[in-house]
C-alpha atoms as a PDB file:
ATOM      1  CA  MET A   1      -0.132  -0.232  -0.098  1.00  0.00           C
ATOM      2  CA  THR A   2       1.384   3.299  -0.626  1.00  0.00           C
ATOM      3  CA  ALA A   3       0.583   6.708   0.881  1.00  0.00           C
ATOM      4  CA  ILE A   4       0.631  10.325  -0.491  1.00  0.00           C
ATOM      5  CA  SER A   5       2.910  12.165   1.615  1.00  0.00           C
ATOM      6  CA  LYS A   6       2.355  15.430   0.189  1.00  0.00           C
ATOM      7  CA  ILE A   7       0.523  16.239  -2.489  1.00  0.00           C
ATOM      8  CA  THR A   8       1.464  19.885  -4.384  1.00  0.00           C
ATOM      9  CA  PRO A   9      -0.851  21.542  -6.761  1.00  0.00           C
ATOM     10  CA  ALA A  10       0.141  21.767 -10.648  1.00  0.00           C
ATOM     11  CA  PHE A  11      -0.100  25.022 -10.703  1.00  0.00           C
ATOM     12  CA  PRO A  12       0.346  27.834  -7.789  1.00  0.00           C
ATOM     13  CA  VAL A  13      -3.124  29.065  -6.474  1.00  0.00           C
ATOM     14  CA  PRO A  14      -3.426  32.848  -7.112  1.00  0.00           C
ATOM     15  CA  VAL A  15      -3.778  34.925  -4.057  1.00  0.00           C
ATOM     16  CA  SER A  16      -5.883  38.202  -4.388  1.00  0.00           C
ATOM     17  CA  THR A  17      -5.508  41.603  -2.032  1.00  0.00           C
ATOM     18  CA  ASP A  18      -7.587  44.974  -2.431  1.00  0.00           C
ATOM     19  CA  PHE A  19      -5.964  47.932  -2.224  1.00  0.00           C
ATOM     20  CA  GLY A  20      -7.487  51.658  -1.546  1.00  0.00           C
ATOM     21  CA  ILE A  21      -6.180  54.298  -3.791  1.00  0.00           C
ATOM     22  CA  GLU A  22      -6.639  58.200  -4.114  1.00  0.00           C
ATOM     23  CA  GLY A  23      -6.124  61.183  -6.223  1.00  0.00           C
ATOM     24  CA  MET A  24      -7.200  58.965  -9.415  1.00  0.00           C
ATOM     25  CA  THR A  25      -9.491  61.332 -11.943  1.00  0.00           C
ATOM     26  CA  CYS A  26     -10.187  59.829 -14.918  1.00  0.00           C
ATOM     27  CA  ALA A  27      -9.704  56.610 -16.997  1.00  0.00           C
ATOM     28  CA  SER A  28      -5.596  57.604 -17.872  1.00  0.00           C
ATOM     29  CA  CYS A  29      -5.645  57.226 -13.963  1.00  0.00           C
ATOM     30  CA  VAL A  30      -6.941  53.741 -13.810  1.00  0.00           C
ATOM     31  CA  VAL A  31      -4.471  52.816 -16.398  1.00  0.00           C
ATOM     32  CA  ARG A  32      -1.377  54.307 -15.535  1.00  0.00           C
ATOM     33  CA  VAL A  33      -2.063  52.756 -12.130  1.00  0.00           C
ATOM     34  CA  GLU A  34      -2.946  49.270 -13.370  1.00  0.00           C
ATOM     35  CA  LYS A  35       0.297  49.316 -15.356  1.00  0.00           C
ATOM     36  CA  ALA A  36       2.642  50.913 -12.334  1.00  0.00           C
ATOM     37  CA  ILE A  37       0.628  47.343 -10.220  1.00  0.00           C
ATOM     38  CA  ALA A  38       1.352  44.542 -13.508  1.00  0.00           C
ATOM     39  CA  ALA A  39       5.176  46.005 -13.580  1.00  0.00           C
ATOM     40  CA  VAL A  40       5.866  44.185  -9.913  1.00  0.00           C
ATOM     41  CA  PRO A  41       7.170  41.158  -9.464  1.00  0.00           C
ATOM     42  CA  GLY A  42       4.977  38.172  -8.839  1.00  0.00           C
ATOM     43  CA  VAL A  43       1.501  40.239  -9.594  1.00  0.00           C
ATOM     44  CA  ALA A  44      -0.351  38.054 -11.591  1.00  0.00           C
ATOM     45  CA  SER A  45      -3.042  40.753 -12.418  1.00  0.00           C
ATOM     46  CA  ALA A  46      -4.411  44.059 -11.417  1.00  0.00           C
ATOM     47  CA  ASN A  47      -8.244  45.404 -11.860  1.00  0.00           C
ATOM     48  CA  VAL A  48      -8.715  49.166 -10.857  1.00  0.00           C
ATOM     49  CA  ASN A  49     -11.964  50.666 -10.230  1.00  0.00           C
ATOM     50  CA  LEU A  50     -12.051  54.464 -10.663  1.00  0.00           C
ATOM     51  CA  ALA A  51     -15.312  54.632  -9.232  1.00  0.00           C
ATOM     52  CA  THR A  52     -14.892  52.715  -5.976  1.00  0.00           C
ATOM     53  CA  GLU A  53     -11.227  54.007  -5.985  1.00  0.00           C
ATOM     54  CA  ARG A  54      -9.871  50.457  -5.120  1.00  0.00           C
ATOM     55  CA  ALA A  55      -7.290  48.204  -7.317  1.00  0.00           C
ATOM     56  CA  THR A  56      -7.790  44.179  -7.000  1.00  0.00           C
ATOM     57  CA  VAL A  57      -4.471  42.421  -7.129  1.00  0.00           C
ATOM     58  CA  ARG A  58      -3.865  39.026  -8.246  1.00  0.00           C
ATOM     59  CA  PHE A  59      -0.361  37.619  -6.753  1.00  0.00           C
ATOM     60  CA  ASN A  60       1.311  34.550  -8.086  1.00  0.00           C
ATOM     61  CA  GLY A  61       2.833  32.995  -4.318  1.00  0.00           C
ATOM     62  CA  SER A  62       3.969  35.126  -1.870  1.00  0.00           C
ATOM     63  CA  PRO A  63       2.212  38.534  -1.861  1.00  0.00           C
ATOM     64  CA  ASP A  64       4.361  41.895  -2.262  1.00  0.00           C
ATOM     65  CA  THR A  65       2.058  44.120  -1.090  1.00  0.00           C
ATOM     66  CA  ASN A  66       5.057  46.457   0.112  1.00  0.00           C
ATOM     67  CA  GLY A  67       5.889  46.809  -3.784  1.00  0.00           C
ATOM     68  CA  VAL A  68       2.376  47.464  -5.196  1.00  0.00           C
ATOM     69  CA  LEU A  69       2.390  50.395  -2.795  1.00  0.00           C
ATOM     70  CA  ARG A  70       5.906  51.934  -3.899  1.00  0.00           C
ATOM     71  CA  ALA A  71       4.218  51.420  -7.573  1.00  0.00           C
ATOM     72  CA  ILE A  72       0.838  53.358  -6.494  1.00  0.00           C
ATOM     73  CA  GLU A  73       3.274  56.458  -5.274  1.00  0.00           C
ATOM     74  CA  LYS A  74       5.512  56.084  -8.058  1.00  0.00           C
ATOM     75  CA  ALA A  75       2.561  56.614 -10.565  1.00  0.00           C
ATOM     76  CA  GLY A  76       1.538  59.322  -8.615  1.00  0.00           C
ATOM     77  CA  TYR A  77      -1.112  58.189  -6.189  1.00  0.00           C
ATOM     78  CA  GLU A  78      -1.719  57.645  -2.449  1.00  0.00           C
ATOM     79  CA  PRO A  79      -2.440  54.023  -0.944  1.00  0.00           C
ATOM     80  CA  LYS A  80      -5.413  54.121   1.546  1.00  0.00           C
ATOM     81  CA  ILE A  81      -3.938  53.258   4.819  1.00  0.00           C
ATOM     82  CA  VAL A  82      -5.451  52.341   7.940  1.00  0.00           C
ATOM     83  CA  ILE A  83      -4.030  51.980  11.763  1.00  0.00           C
ATOM     84  CA  HIS A  84      -5.445  49.574  13.722  1.00  0.00           C
ATOM     85  CA  GLU A  85      -4.565  49.451  17.714  1.00  0.00           C
ATOM     86  CA  LEU A  86      -5.444  46.453  19.535  1.00  0.00           C
ATOM     87  CA  ARG A  87      -4.698  45.659  23.603  1.00  0.00           C
ATOM     88  CA  VAL A  88      -3.005  42.867  23.783  1.00  0.00           C
ATOM     89  CA  GLU A  89      -3.287  40.875  26.972  1.00  0.00           C
ATOM     90  CA  GLY A  90      -0.317  38.115  28.564  1.00  0.00           C
ATOM     91  CA  MET A  91       2.549  39.700  27.395  1.00  0.00           C
ATOM     92  CA  THR A  92       5.268  39.163  29.587  1.00  0.00           C
ATOM     93  CA  CYS A  93       8.888  40.067  27.952  1.00  0.00           C
ATOM     94  CA  ALA A  94      10.455  41.653  24.583  1.00  0.00           C
ATOM     95  CA  SER A  95      10.322  37.452  23.096  1.00  0.00           C
ATOM     96  CA  CYS A  96       6.555  37.939  23.506  1.00  0.00           C
ATOM     97  CA  VAL A  97       6.563  41.441  21.626  1.00  0.00           C
ATOM     98  CA  SER A  98       8.692  39.641  18.886  1.00  0.00           C
ATOM     99  CA  ARG A  99       5.863  37.146  18.522  1.00  0.00           C
ATOM    100  CA  VAL A 100       3.101  39.065  18.255  1.00  0.00           C
ATOM    101  CA  GLU A 101       4.570  41.234  15.570  1.00  0.00           C
ATOM    102  CA  LYS A 102       6.060  38.310  13.585  1.00  0.00           C
ATOM    103  CA  ALA A 103       2.473  36.970  14.047  1.00  0.00           C
ATOM    104  CA  LEU A 104       0.537  40.304  12.777  1.00  0.00           C
ATOM    105  CA  LYS A 105       2.872  41.104  10.022  1.00  0.00           C
ATOM    106  CA  ALA A 106       2.400  37.358   8.519  1.00  0.00           C
ATOM    107  CA  VAL A 107      -1.256  39.125   7.958  1.00  0.00           C
ATOM    108  CA  PRO A 108      -2.036  39.825   4.417  1.00  0.00           C
ATOM    109  CA  GLY A 109      -2.645  43.685   3.797  1.00  0.00           C
ATOM    110  CA  VAL A 110      -0.227  44.228   6.902  1.00  0.00           C
ATOM    111  CA  ILE A 111       2.513  47.153   6.088  1.00  0.00           C
ATOM    112  CA  ASP A 112       4.273  47.442   9.554  1.00  0.00           C
ATOM    113  CA  ALA A 113       3.254  45.998  13.095  1.00  0.00           C
ATOM    114  CA  SER A 114       4.433  47.145  16.332  1.00  0.00           C
ATOM    115  CA  VAL A 115       4.136  46.113  19.648  1.00  0.00           C
ATOM    116  CA  ASN A 116       4.539  47.895  23.102  1.00  0.00           C
ATOM    117  CA  LEU A 117       5.329  46.084  26.264  1.00  0.00           C
ATOM    118  CA  ALA A 118       4.555  48.760  28.612  1.00  0.00           C
ATOM    119  CA  THR A 119       1.342  49.637  27.027  1.00  0.00           C
ATOM    120  CA  GLU A 120       0.112  46.342  25.870  1.00  0.00           C
ATOM    121  CA  LYS A 121      -1.021  48.139  22.675  1.00  0.00           C
ATOM    122  CA  ALA A 122       0.008  46.666  19.193  1.00  0.00           C
ATOM    123  CA  THR A 123      -0.373  49.335  16.199  1.00  0.00           C
ATOM    124  CA  VAL A 124      -0.914  48.121  13.161  1.00  0.00           C
ATOM    125  CA  ARG A 125      -0.467  49.864   9.803  1.00  0.00           C
ATOM    126  CA  LEU A 126      -2.775  48.058   7.009  1.00  0.00           C
ATOM    127  CA  ILE A 127      -3.737  48.751   3.643  1.00  0.00           C
ATOM    128  CA  SER A 128      -7.792  49.813   3.626  1.00  0.00           C
ATOM    129  CA  GLY A 129      -9.889  46.943   2.822  1.00  0.00           C
ATOM    130  CA  ALA A 130      -7.253  44.240   2.466  1.00  0.00           C
ATOM    131  CA  THR A 131      -8.283  42.785   5.644  1.00  0.00           C
ATOM    132  CA  GLU A 132     -10.619  42.540   8.385  1.00  0.00           C
ATOM    133  CA  THR A 133      -9.700  43.267  12.280  1.00  0.00           C
ATOM    134  CA  THR A 134     -10.895  39.842  13.147  1.00  0.00           C
ATOM    135  CA  ALA A 135      -8.012  38.205  11.139  1.00  0.00           C
ATOM    136  CA  LEU A 136      -5.425  40.760  13.285  1.00  0.00           C
ATOM    137  CA  GLU A 137      -7.427  39.206  16.036  1.00  0.00           C
ATOM    138  CA  ALA A 138      -6.712  35.830  14.704  1.00  0.00           C
ATOM    139  CA  ALA A 139      -3.223  36.095  14.648  1.00  0.00           C
ATOM    140  CA  ILE A 140      -2.383  37.225  18.174  1.00  0.00           C
ATOM    141  CA  ARG A 141      -4.793  34.625  20.164  1.00  0.00           C
ATOM    142  CA  GLY A 142      -2.761  32.383  17.307  1.00  0.00           C
ATOM    143  CA  ALA A 143       0.373  33.495  18.826  1.00  0.00           C
ATOM    144  CA  GLY A 144      -0.713  32.587  22.278  1.00  0.00           C
ATOM    145  CA  TYR A 145      -2.546  35.788  23.498  1.00  0.00           C
ATOM    146  CA  ASP A 146      -5.326  37.489  24.617  1.00  0.00           C
ATOM    147  CA  VAL A 147      -6.389  40.590  22.241  1.00  0.00           C
ATOM    148  CA  ARG A 148      -9.564  43.265  22.404  1.00  0.00           C
ATOM    149  CA  LYS A 149     -10.029  46.120  19.956  1.00  0.00           C
ATOM    150  CA  VAL A 150      -9.265  49.545  20.627  1.00  0.00           C
ATOM    151  CA  ALA A 151      -9.026  51.769  18.044  1.00  0.00           C
ATOM    152  CA  THR A 152      -9.000  52.547  14.092  1.00  0.00           C
ATOM    153  CA  ALA A 153      -8.185  55.293  12.097  1.00  0.00           C
ATOM    154  CA  ASP A 154      -8.332  55.957   8.704  1.00  0.00           C
ATOM    155  CA  VAL A 155      -4.898  57.752   7.361  1.00  0.00           C
ATOM    156  CA  SER A 156      -6.441  58.490   4.206  1.00  0.00           C
ATOM    157  CA  ASP A 157      -9.021  61.056   6.527  1.00  0.00           C
ATOM    158  CA  GLU A 158      -6.968  63.943   5.470  1.00  0.00           C
ATOM    159  CA  GLY A 159      -8.049  62.972   1.652  1.00  0.00           C
ATOM    160  CA  ALA A 160     -11.837  62.660   2.481  1.00  0.00           C
ATOM    161  CA  ASP A 161     -11.681  66.776   3.914  1.00  0.00           C
ATOM    162  CA  HIS A 162      -9.720  67.287   0.790  1.00  0.00           C
ATOM    163  CA  ARG A 163     -12.221  65.735  -1.549  1.00  0.00           C
ATOM    164  CA  THR A 164     -15.283  67.205  -0.165  1.00  0.00           C
ATOM    165  CA  ALA A 165     -13.502  70.653  -0.244  1.00  0.00           C
ATOM    166  CA  GLU A 166     -13.138  70.129  -3.679  1.00  0.00           C
ATOM    167  CA  ILE A 167     -16.357  69.185  -4.421  1.00  0.00           C
ATOM    168  CA  ARG A 168     -17.592  72.202  -2.760  1.00  0.00           C
ATOM    169  CA  THR A 169     -15.326  74.539  -4.905  1.00  0.00           C
ATOM    170  CA  LEU A 170     -16.680  72.839  -7.978  1.00  0.00           C
ATOM    171  CA  LYS A 171     -20.267  73.661  -7.062  1.00  0.00           C
ATOM    172  CA  ASN A 172     -19.443  77.127  -5.997  1.00  0.00           C
ATOM    173  CA  LEU A 173     -17.522  77.816  -9.805  1.00  0.00           C
ATOM    174  CA  LEU A 174     -20.570  76.100 -11.353  1.00  0.00           C
ATOM    175  CA  PHE A 175     -22.971  78.357  -9.538  1.00  0.00           C
ATOM    176  CA  PHE A 176     -20.997  81.398 -10.113  1.00  0.00           C
ATOM    177  CA  ARG A 177     -20.753  80.681 -13.869  1.00  0.00           C
ATOM    178  CA  ARG A 178     -24.355  80.430 -14.298  1.00  0.00           C
ATOM    179  CA  CYS A 179     -24.838  83.911 -12.808  1.00  0.00           C
END
């Protein structure tokens, strides 16, 4: 009787990640961002949606999210970044901190994670919409610690305020041109 010890797929299963993008205004912007992302090694495909300001990127193998972020910035646009703050309970030493940081950085879409032992807080920078808070919590629990959500901040809030001001200015210009 033969036993199969390991089955490997003939083709790697593509991994998909969503990226929020600010600053696109037309179809040319979409094409520019798609080309920039597609040039990143390991990217199988990139589909950018102007209306939702999102790019869905499929990777062959391990996702290079930082490479995609750099490509978006190099193309002249801003990736949307969110910061999650989580309270981590049960840590006692620097080794615990390292273990939690490593677990958080392994979550797809996480750009950076830093853990403070004294405050028992983990600050996680991640791509907006790329992952849920539950995935971050599961990573911390998987490392052997308890977790509670503290806060979420959208680093791109300034862009939303800017966009609102721009719309108001355009409406005023339209109104005064009619008069």
